[in-house]
Amino acid sequence: MELTTAYHPQLILDIALESHDLPDLLRKHDITESDLDRLYALPQFRRELLTTRAELTQTGSAFRAHARVIAEEHLATMNDLMNNPDVPVTQKVAIWQSMVRYASLEPPKAENALISGGINITIAGYAALPQSPVVDITPS
């Protein structure tokens, strides 16, 4: 592998998780020990590694971190499917919804009762009861 300043995000995660011994890590990423030394010399690489380790320590989110790397690996595939005219629209919608969810772009849950589909009415005399009566006012 010709080493540049580019490296696979999985390498950072593998090092942060300490899930491989050095020979396995080098073999998995098709790099040499001197390649790895050159990566460690890059400030950006060290910063990303420190950030990843801190995230894993603070949140215990090893699974989420691994899932994030896998999702990033598949973004190109998702993009190819979205641009393929032979892919059904329903599948494209599912891909789009997944991408929105992965990117945390979903709107917050509606707090407005009319938007969320229900109205809660509390009658003053019943407020002290442990279980207030439910009154159905659905038009018939």
Protein backbone atom coordinates (compact mmCIF):
# COMPACT_ATOMS: atom_id res chain seq x y z
CA MET A 1 0.00 0.00 0.00
CA GLU A 2 1.36 3.41 -0.91
CA LEU A 3 0.89 5.53 2.15
CA THR A 4 -0.32 9.09 1.85
CA THR A 5 -1.98 11.27 4.44
CA ALA A 6 -5.22 9.39 3.67
CA TYR A 7 -6.14 6.42 5.83
CA HIS A 8 -9.24 4.37 6.42
CA PRO A 9 -11.40 5.49 9.39
CA GLN A 10 -11.53 1.86 10.53
CA LEU A 11 -7.78 2.04 11.28
CA ILE A 12 -8.37 4.77 13.87
CA LEU A 13 -11.19 2.77 15.45
CA ASP A 14 -9.17 -0.46 15.49
CA ILE A 15 -6.28 1.27 17.23
CA ALA A 16 -8.59 3.05 19.71
CA LEU A 17 -10.45 -0.17 20.54
CA GLU A 18 -7.16 -2.09 20.85
CA SER A 19 -9.01 -5.02 19.31
CA HIS A 20 -6.01 -6.31 17.29
CA ASP A 21 -2.43 -7.05 18.12
CA LEU A 22 0.12 -5.18 15.98
CA PRO A 23 0.73 -7.90 13.35
CA ASP A 24 -3.03 -8.41 12.85
CA LEU A 25 -3.63 -4.66 12.65
CA LEU A 26 -0.90 -4.22 10.03
CA ARG A 27 -2.17 -7.18 8.01
CA LYS A 28 -5.81 -6.07 8.19
CA HIS A 29 -4.97 -2.59 6.90
CA ASP A 30 -2.21 -3.72 4.52
CA ILE A 31 0.39 -1.40 6.02
CA THR A 32 3.86 -1.83 7.47
CA GLU A 33 5.07 -0.80 10.87
CA SER A 34 6.97 2.10 9.31
CA ASP A 35 3.72 3.17 7.55
CA LEU A 36 2.03 3.21 10.92
CA ASP A 37 4.90 5.23 12.40
CA ARG A 38 4.47 7.79 9.61
CA LEU A 39 0.74 7.99 10.35
CA TYR A 40 1.44 8.57 14.04
CA ALA A 41 3.66 11.48 12.96
CA LEU A 42 0.64 13.21 11.38
CA PRO A 43 -1.02 15.67 13.80
CA GLN A 44 -4.45 15.02 12.24
CA PHE A 45 -4.09 11.26 12.76
CA ARG A 46 -3.09 11.71 16.41
CA ARG A 47 -5.96 14.18 16.97
CA GLU A 48 -8.52 11.79 15.48
CA LEU A 49 -7.14 8.91 17.53
CA LEU A 50 -7.29 10.95 20.76
CA THR A 51 -10.82 12.11 19.96
CA THR A 52 -11.97 8.56 19.20
CA ARG A 53 -10.41 7.21 22.38
CA ALA A 54 -12.04 9.98 24.42
CA GLU A 55 -15.45 9.28 22.88
CA LEU A 56 -15.14 5.59 23.61
CA THR A 57 -14.06 6.27 27.19
CA GLN A 58 -16.74 8.87 27.93
CA THR A 59 -19.70 7.14 26.39
CA GLY A 60 -18.69 3.52 26.24
CA SER A 61 -19.94 3.67 22.69
CA ALA A 62 -17.65 1.13 21.05
CA PHE A 63 -20.58 -0.41 19.20
CA ARG A 64 -21.85 2.97 17.94
CA ALA A 65 -18.35 3.97 16.88
CA HIS A 66 -17.94 0.73 14.95
CA ALA A 67 -21.39 1.15 13.39
CA ARG A 68 -20.48 4.71 12.36
CA VAL A 69 -17.41 3.45 10.49
CA ILE A 70 -19.46 0.76 8.75
CA ALA A 71 -22.13 3.31 7.80
CA GLU A 72 -19.45 5.62 6.38
CA GLU A 73 -18.07 2.72 4.35
CA HIS A 74 -21.50 2.16 2.82
CA LEU A 75 -22.35 5.76 2.00
CA ALA A 76 -20.96 5.34 -1.51
CA THR A 77 -23.13 2.25 -2.04
CA MET A 78 -26.18 4.10 -0.74
CA ASN A 79 -25.43 7.00 -3.08
CA ASP A 80 -25.06 4.63 -6.04
CA LEU A 81 -28.44 3.06 -5.23
CA MET A 82 -30.08 6.48 -4.89
CA ASN A 83 -28.82 7.45 -8.37
CA ASN A 84 -29.68 4.15 -10.03
CA PRO A 85 -32.87 4.50 -12.12
CA ASP A 86 -33.54 0.76 -11.75
CA VAL A 87 -33.89 0.97 -7.96
CA PRO A 88 -37.56 1.21 -6.90
CA VAL A 89 -38.69 4.47 -5.35
CA THR A 90 -39.77 2.67 -2.17
CA GLN A 91 -36.22 1.40 -1.67
CA LYS A 92 -34.84 4.90 -2.33
CA VAL A 93 -37.20 6.29 0.33
CA ALA A 94 -35.97 3.68 2.82
CA ILE A 95 -32.36 4.57 2.02
CA TRP A 96 -33.12 8.27 2.41
CA GLN A 97 -34.84 7.69 5.76
CA SER A 98 -31.85 5.66 6.96
CA MET A 99 -29.41 8.36 5.89
CA VAL A 100 -31.46 11.02 7.71
CA ARG A 101 -31.51 8.84 10.85
CA TYR A 102 -27.74 8.10 10.63
CA ALA A 103 -26.96 11.80 10.23
CA SER A 104 -29.25 12.70 13.18
CA LEU A 105 -31.27 15.01 10.92
CA GLU A 106 -34.68 13.85 12.12
CA PRO A 107 -36.84 16.68 13.46
CA PRO A 108 -37.41 16.62 17.22
CA LYS A 109 -40.54 14.90 18.47
CA ALA A 110 -43.55 17.14 18.11
CA GLU A 111 -44.54 18.81 21.35
CA ASN A 112 -47.63 20.40 19.89
CA ALA A 113 -50.67 18.23 20.65
CA LEU A 114 -52.29 18.96 17.29
CA ILE A 115 -49.17 17.81 15.44
CA SER A 116 -48.65 14.72 17.59
CA GLY A 117 -52.26 13.67 17.13
CA GLY A 118 -53.78 14.03 20.56
CA ILE A 119 -55.11 16.51 23.06
CA ASN A 120 -54.91 15.97 26.81
CA ILE A 121 -57.58 17.81 28.80
CA THR A 122 -57.38 17.87 32.59
CA ILE A 123 -60.55 18.76 34.46
CA ALA A 124 -59.77 20.59 37.70
CA GLY A 125 -61.97 18.41 39.93
CA TYR A 126 -60.30 15.23 38.66
CA ALA A 127 -56.69 16.44 38.78
CA ALA A 128 -56.09 15.00 42.26
CA LEU A 129 -57.28 11.52 41.35
CA PRO A 130 -54.54 8.96 40.64
CA GLN A 131 -56.25 7.96 37.37
CA SER A 132 -58.17 10.75 35.69
CA PRO A 133 -61.16 9.58 33.65
CA VAL A 134 -60.68 9.42 29.89
CA VAL A 135 -63.33 11.10 27.78
CA ASP A 136 -63.51 10.24 24.10
CA ILE A 137 -64.59 13.26 22.05
CA THR A 138 -64.03 11.69 18.64
CA PRO A 139 -66.71 12.96 16.23
CA SER A 140 -68.98 10.19 14.96
